[in-house]
Amino acid sequence: MGQLVNLKHLNLGFNELTSIPPEIGRLVNLVSLHLGFNELTSVPPEIGELIDLRYLNLASNRLTALPVEINKLTNLAELYLNDGNFIPEDEQEKIGQLLPNCSVYFE
């Protein structure tokens, strides 16, 4: 996966994935990443290396939190965490503070 450095869009949704490898951070030219409708319980901190990312779909997983490194995603415009994630309200607030210019969807 880490060799696809020029990749702009990656859709891994609906694959029953249980984890994302740290090598995801090497895909530095990604603009959109769809990881929705899997079985993810966490996201690696390397996600913060995707500084060109504008769209991130993590809907319908089993997430309870995101790594603080998401604050590096300053170009992120849309983040989907709805449908099936178990993110408590205090964590939702933290995510909103880390991504002040991003529309975050929890419901």
N, C-alpha and C. Protein backbone atom coordinates (compact mmCIF):
# COMPACT_ATOMS: atom_id res chain seq x y z
N MET A 1 0.81 -1.19 0.00
CA MET A 1 0.00 0.00 0.00
C MET A 1 0.86 1.26 0.00
N GLY A 2 1.94 1.26 0.73
CA GLY A 2 2.78 2.43 0.87
C GLY A 2 3.47 2.87 -0.41
N GLN A 3 3.43 2.03 -1.45
CA GLN A 3 4.10 2.37 -2.71
C GLN A 3 3.20 3.17 -3.65
N LEU A 4 1.95 3.35 -3.29
CA LEU A 4 1.00 4.05 -4.15
C LEU A 4 0.98 5.55 -3.82
N VAL A 5 2.15 6.15 -3.79
CA VAL A 5 2.28 7.52 -3.30
C VAL A 5 1.56 8.57 -4.14
N ASN A 6 1.25 8.30 -5.39
CA ASN A 6 0.56 9.27 -6.24
C ASN A 6 -0.96 9.10 -6.23
N LEU A 7 -1.45 8.15 -5.48
CA LEU A 7 -2.88 7.87 -5.41
C LEU A 7 -3.62 9.07 -4.82
N LYS A 8 -4.73 9.47 -5.47
CA LYS A 8 -5.53 10.61 -5.01
C LYS A 8 -6.80 10.18 -4.29
N HIS A 9 -7.41 9.09 -4.72
CA HIS A 9 -8.68 8.63 -4.16
C HIS A 9 -8.57 7.14 -3.84
N LEU A 10 -9.03 6.77 -2.65
CA LEU A 10 -8.98 5.37 -2.25
C LEU A 10 -10.29 5.01 -1.57
N ASN A 11 -10.96 4.00 -2.11
CA ASN A 11 -12.22 3.53 -1.55
C ASN A 11 -12.04 2.10 -1.08
N LEU A 12 -12.01 1.92 0.23
CA LEU A 12 -11.92 0.60 0.85
C LEU A 12 -13.17 0.30 1.66
N GLY A 13 -14.24 0.98 1.35
CA GLY A 13 -15.50 0.78 2.06
C GLY A 13 -16.11 -0.58 1.77
N PHE A 14 -16.93 -1.05 2.71
CA PHE A 14 -17.69 -2.30 2.56
C PHE A 14 -16.79 -3.52 2.38
N ASN A 15 -15.70 -3.59 3.13
CA ASN A 15 -14.77 -4.71 3.01
C ASN A 15 -14.55 -5.49 4.30
N GLU A 16 -15.28 -5.16 5.35
CA GLU A 16 -15.14 -5.83 6.64
C GLU A 16 -13.72 -5.76 7.20
N LEU A 17 -13.02 -4.67 6.89
CA LEU A 17 -11.67 -4.48 7.42
C LEU A 17 -11.72 -4.28 8.93
N THR A 18 -10.77 -4.87 9.63
CA THR A 18 -10.69 -4.71 11.08
C THR A 18 -9.57 -3.77 11.49
N SER A 19 -8.68 -3.46 10.57
CA SER A 19 -7.58 -2.53 10.88
C SER A 19 -7.08 -1.89 9.59
N ILE A 20 -6.40 -0.78 9.78
CA ILE A 20 -5.75 -0.06 8.68
C ILE A 20 -4.26 -0.05 9.00
N PRO A 21 -3.41 -0.46 8.07
CA PRO A 21 -1.97 -0.50 8.38
C PRO A 21 -1.39 0.91 8.51
N PRO A 22 -0.35 1.06 9.32
CA PRO A 22 0.29 2.37 9.48
C PRO A 22 0.83 2.94 8.16
N GLU A 23 1.07 2.07 7.20
CA GLU A 23 1.57 2.51 5.89
C GLU A 23 0.60 3.45 5.18
N ILE A 24 -0.63 3.53 5.67
CA ILE A 24 -1.59 4.47 5.08
C ILE A 24 -1.00 5.88 5.06
N GLY A 25 -0.16 6.19 6.03
CA GLY A 25 0.46 7.50 6.13
C GLY A 25 1.40 7.84 4.99
N ARG A 26 1.80 6.85 4.22
CA ARG A 26 2.69 7.09 3.08
C ARG A 26 1.94 7.57 1.84
N LEU A 27 0.63 7.49 1.86
CA LEU A 27 -0.18 7.90 0.71
C LEU A 27 -0.45 9.40 0.79
N VAL A 28 0.62 10.17 0.78
CA VAL A 28 0.57 11.59 1.10
C VAL A 28 -0.21 12.45 0.10
N ASN A 29 -0.53 11.93 -1.06
CA ASN A 29 -1.28 12.70 -2.05
C ASN A 29 -2.77 12.40 -2.04
N LEU A 30 -3.22 11.59 -1.10
CA LEU A 30 -4.65 11.27 -1.03
C LEU A 30 -5.47 12.53 -0.79
N VAL A 31 -6.57 12.64 -1.53
CA VAL A 31 -7.52 13.73 -1.37
C VAL A 31 -8.79 13.20 -0.73
N SER A 32 -9.16 11.96 -1.06
CA SER A 32 -10.35 11.36 -0.47
C SER A 32 -10.05 9.91 -0.07
N LEU A 33 -10.58 9.56 1.10
CA LEU A 33 -10.38 8.22 1.65
C LEU A 33 -11.69 7.73 2.22
N HIS A 34 -12.19 6.64 1.65
CA HIS A 34 -13.45 6.05 2.11
C HIS A 34 -13.13 4.74 2.82
N LEU A 35 -13.35 4.74 4.13
CA LEU A 35 -13.15 3.54 4.95
C LEU A 35 -14.44 3.15 5.65
N GLY A 36 -15.55 3.66 5.19
CA GLY A 36 -16.83 3.40 5.82
C GLY A 36 -17.30 1.98 5.64
N PHE A 37 -18.20 1.57 6.55
CA PHE A 37 -18.85 0.27 6.48
C PHE A 37 -17.86 -0.88 6.55
N ASN A 38 -16.98 -0.78 7.54
CA ASN A 38 -16.03 -1.83 7.85
C ASN A 38 -16.20 -2.22 9.31
N GLU A 39 -15.19 -2.79 9.91
CA GLU A 39 -15.23 -3.22 11.31
C GLU A 39 -14.07 -2.58 12.09
N LEU A 40 -13.70 -1.37 11.73
CA LEU A 40 -12.56 -0.71 12.35
C LEU A 40 -12.87 -0.31 13.79
N THR A 41 -11.93 -0.58 14.69
CA THR A 41 -12.06 -0.14 16.08
C THR A 41 -11.10 0.99 16.39
N SER A 42 -10.15 1.23 15.50
CA SER A 42 -9.20 2.33 15.68
C SER A 42 -8.66 2.77 14.32
N VAL A 43 -8.05 3.94 14.34
CA VAL A 43 -7.41 4.50 13.16
C VAL A 43 -5.97 4.78 13.55
N PRO A 44 -4.99 4.39 12.73
CA PRO A 44 -3.60 4.61 13.13
C PRO A 44 -3.24 6.10 13.15
N PRO A 45 -2.34 6.49 14.05
CA PRO A 45 -1.93 7.90 14.12
C PRO A 45 -1.33 8.41 12.82
N GLU A 46 -0.83 7.52 12.00
CA GLU A 46 -0.24 7.91 10.71
C GLU A 46 -1.25 8.57 9.78
N ILE A 47 -2.53 8.48 10.10
CA ILE A 47 -3.56 9.16 9.30
C ILE A 47 -3.25 10.66 9.23
N GLY A 48 -2.59 11.18 10.26
CA GLY A 48 -2.24 12.59 10.30
C GLY A 48 -1.24 13.02 9.25
N GLU A 49 -0.59 12.06 8.59
CA GLU A 49 0.37 12.39 7.53
C GLU A 49 -0.32 12.73 6.21
N LEU A 50 -1.61 12.49 6.12
CA LEU A 50 -2.35 12.70 4.87
C LEU A 50 -2.82 14.15 4.78
N ILE A 51 -1.89 15.07 4.72
CA ILE A 51 -2.21 16.49 4.86
C ILE A 51 -3.00 17.08 3.69
N ASP A 52 -3.08 16.41 2.56
CA ASP A 52 -3.90 16.88 1.44
C ASP A 52 -5.33 16.35 1.49
N LEU A 53 -5.61 15.51 2.46
CA LEU A 53 -6.93 14.87 2.55
C LEU A 53 -8.02 15.92 2.76
N ARG A 54 -9.08 15.82 1.94
CA ARG A 54 -10.21 16.74 2.05
C ARG A 54 -11.48 16.01 2.48
N TYR A 55 -11.55 14.71 2.24
CA TYR A 55 -12.76 13.92 2.52
C TYR A 55 -12.33 12.62 3.19
N LEU A 56 -12.91 12.35 4.35
CA LEU A 56 -12.62 11.11 5.07
C LEU A 56 -13.92 10.51 5.58
N ASN A 57 -14.23 9.32 5.11
CA ASN A 57 -15.45 8.64 5.53
C ASN A 57 -15.07 7.45 6.40
N LEU A 58 -15.47 7.55 7.67
CA LEU A 58 -15.26 6.46 8.64
C LEU A 58 -16.60 5.98 9.20
N ALA A 59 -17.68 6.27 8.50
CA ALA A 59 -19.02 5.91 8.95
C ALA A 59 -19.17 4.40 9.07
N SER A 60 -20.06 3.99 9.94
CA SER A 60 -20.42 2.58 10.11
C SER A 60 -19.23 1.68 10.40
N ASN A 61 -18.47 2.06 11.40
CA ASN A 61 -17.40 1.23 11.93
C ASN A 61 -17.68 1.01 13.42
N ARG A 62 -16.66 0.72 14.19
CA ARG A 62 -16.81 0.50 15.63
C ARG A 62 -15.86 1.41 16.41
N LEU A 63 -15.70 2.61 15.92
CA LEU A 63 -14.75 3.55 16.52
C LEU A 63 -15.30 4.16 17.80
N THR A 64 -14.41 4.41 18.76
CA THR A 64 -14.78 5.13 19.98
C THR A 64 -13.98 6.42 20.11
N ALA A 65 -12.93 6.58 19.31
CA ALA A 65 -12.08 7.77 19.36
C ALA A 65 -11.26 7.83 18.08
N LEU A 66 -10.63 8.98 17.87
CA LEU A 66 -9.68 9.16 16.78
C LEU A 66 -8.36 9.63 17.37
N PRO A 67 -7.25 9.34 16.70
CA PRO A 67 -5.96 9.80 17.23
C PRO A 67 -5.85 11.33 17.16
N VAL A 68 -5.16 11.90 18.11
CA VAL A 68 -4.99 13.36 18.16
C VAL A 68 -4.30 13.88 16.90
N GLU A 69 -3.60 13.03 16.20
CA GLU A 69 -2.89 13.42 14.97
C GLU A 69 -3.83 13.91 13.87
N ILE A 70 -5.13 13.70 14.02
CA ILE A 70 -6.05 14.22 13.00
C ILE A 70 -5.99 15.74 12.92
N ASN A 71 -5.46 16.38 13.97
CA ASN A 71 -5.36 17.84 13.93
C ASN A 71 -4.41 18.32 12.83
N LYS A 72 -3.61 17.43 12.27
CA LYS A 72 -2.71 17.78 11.17
C LYS A 72 -3.45 17.85 9.83
N LEU A 73 -4.69 17.37 9.80
CA LEU A 73 -5.47 17.33 8.56
C LEU A 73 -6.15 18.67 8.34
N THR A 74 -5.36 19.70 8.14
CA THR A 74 -5.88 21.06 8.05
C THR A 74 -6.68 21.33 6.77
N ASN A 75 -6.55 20.50 5.76
CA ASN A 75 -7.33 20.65 4.53
C ASN A 75 -8.63 19.84 4.55
N LEU A 76 -8.83 19.06 5.59
CA LEU A 76 -10.02 18.21 5.66
C LEU A 76 -11.28 19.07 5.73
N ALA A 77 -12.20 18.84 4.80
CA ALA A 77 -13.45 19.60 4.74
C ALA A 77 -14.63 18.79 5.26
N GLU A 78 -14.59 17.45 5.08
CA GLU A 78 -15.70 16.60 5.49
C GLU A 78 -15.18 15.35 6.17
N LEU A 79 -15.74 15.06 7.35
CA LEU A 79 -15.41 13.85 8.10
C LEU A 79 -16.70 13.19 8.53
N TYR A 80 -16.89 11.95 8.11
CA TYR A 80 -18.10 11.20 8.43
C TYR A 80 -17.79 10.14 9.48
N LEU A 81 -18.46 10.27 10.63
CA LEU A 81 -18.29 9.32 11.74
C LEU A 81 -19.65 8.78 12.17
N ASN A 82 -20.65 8.92 11.35
CA ASN A 82 -22.01 8.53 11.69
C ASN A 82 -22.25 7.03 11.54
N ASP A 83 -23.43 6.61 11.95
CA ASP A 83 -23.92 5.24 11.74
C ASP A 83 -23.03 4.15 12.32
N GLY A 84 -23.22 3.87 13.59
CA GLY A 84 -22.59 2.68 14.16
C GLY A 84 -21.33 2.91 14.94
N ASN A 85 -20.74 4.09 14.86
CA ASN A 85 -19.58 4.37 15.71
C ASN A 85 -20.07 4.70 17.11
N PHE A 86 -19.22 4.52 18.09
CA PHE A 86 -19.59 4.70 19.49
C PHE A 86 -18.75 5.81 20.12
N ILE A 87 -18.78 6.97 19.52
CA ILE A 87 -17.94 8.07 19.97
C ILE A 87 -18.70 8.89 21.00
N PRO A 88 -18.22 8.90 22.26
CA PRO A 88 -18.92 9.65 23.31
C PRO A 88 -18.89 11.16 23.05
N GLU A 89 -19.81 11.87 23.70
CA GLU A 89 -19.94 13.31 23.47
C GLU A 89 -18.66 14.08 23.74
N ASP A 90 -17.94 13.74 24.81
CA ASP A 90 -16.71 14.47 25.10
C ASP A 90 -15.67 14.26 24.00
N GLU A 91 -15.63 13.08 23.44
CA GLU A 91 -14.71 12.81 22.33
C GLU A 91 -15.16 13.54 21.07
N GLN A 92 -16.46 13.64 20.86
CA GLN A 92 -16.98 14.40 19.72
C GLN A 92 -16.56 15.87 19.81
N GLU A 93 -16.64 16.43 21.01
CA GLU A 93 -16.21 17.82 21.22
C GLU A 93 -14.73 17.98 20.91
N LYS A 94 -13.93 17.03 21.38
CA LYS A 94 -12.48 17.07 21.15
C LYS A 94 -12.17 17.04 19.66
N ILE A 95 -12.85 16.17 18.92
CA ILE A 95 -12.65 16.07 17.48
C ILE A 95 -13.01 17.39 16.81
N GLY A 96 -14.12 17.98 17.23
CA GLY A 96 -14.52 19.28 16.69
C GLY A 96 -13.49 20.36 16.94
N GLN A 97 -12.86 20.34 18.11
CA GLN A 97 -11.82 21.32 18.43
C GLN A 97 -10.55 21.07 17.63
N LEU A 98 -10.24 19.81 17.38
CA LEU A 98 -9.04 19.48 16.60
C LEU A 98 -9.18 19.84 15.13
N LEU A 99 -10.43 19.86 14.65
CA LEU A 99 -10.71 20.13 13.22
C LEU A 99 -11.71 21.28 13.09
N PRO A 100 -11.32 22.50 13.45
CA PRO A 100 -12.27 23.61 13.49
C PRO A 100 -12.84 24.01 12.13
N ASN A 101 -12.17 23.72 11.05
CA ASN A 101 -12.63 24.13 9.72
C ASN A 101 -13.25 22.98 8.93
N CYS A 102 -13.59 21.92 9.62
CA CYS A 102 -14.11 20.70 8.98
C CYS A 102 -15.55 20.46 9.42
N SER A 103 -16.38 20.04 8.47
CA SER A 103 -17.74 19.60 8.81
C SER A 103 -17.65 18.15 9.26
N VAL A 104 -18.00 17.90 10.53
CA VAL A 104 -17.92 16.56 11.09
C VAL A 104 -19.34 16.06 11.32
N TYR A 105 -19.64 14.88 10.81
CA TYR A 105 -20.98 14.31 10.90
C TYR A 105 -20.95 13.10 11.83
N PHE A 106 -21.65 13.24 12.96
CA PHE A 106 -21.73 12.16 13.93
C PHE A 106 -23.05 11.40 13.82
N GLU A 107 -24.07 12.04 13.27
CA GLU A 107 -25.39 11.40 13.17
C GLU A 107 -25.89 11.44 11.76
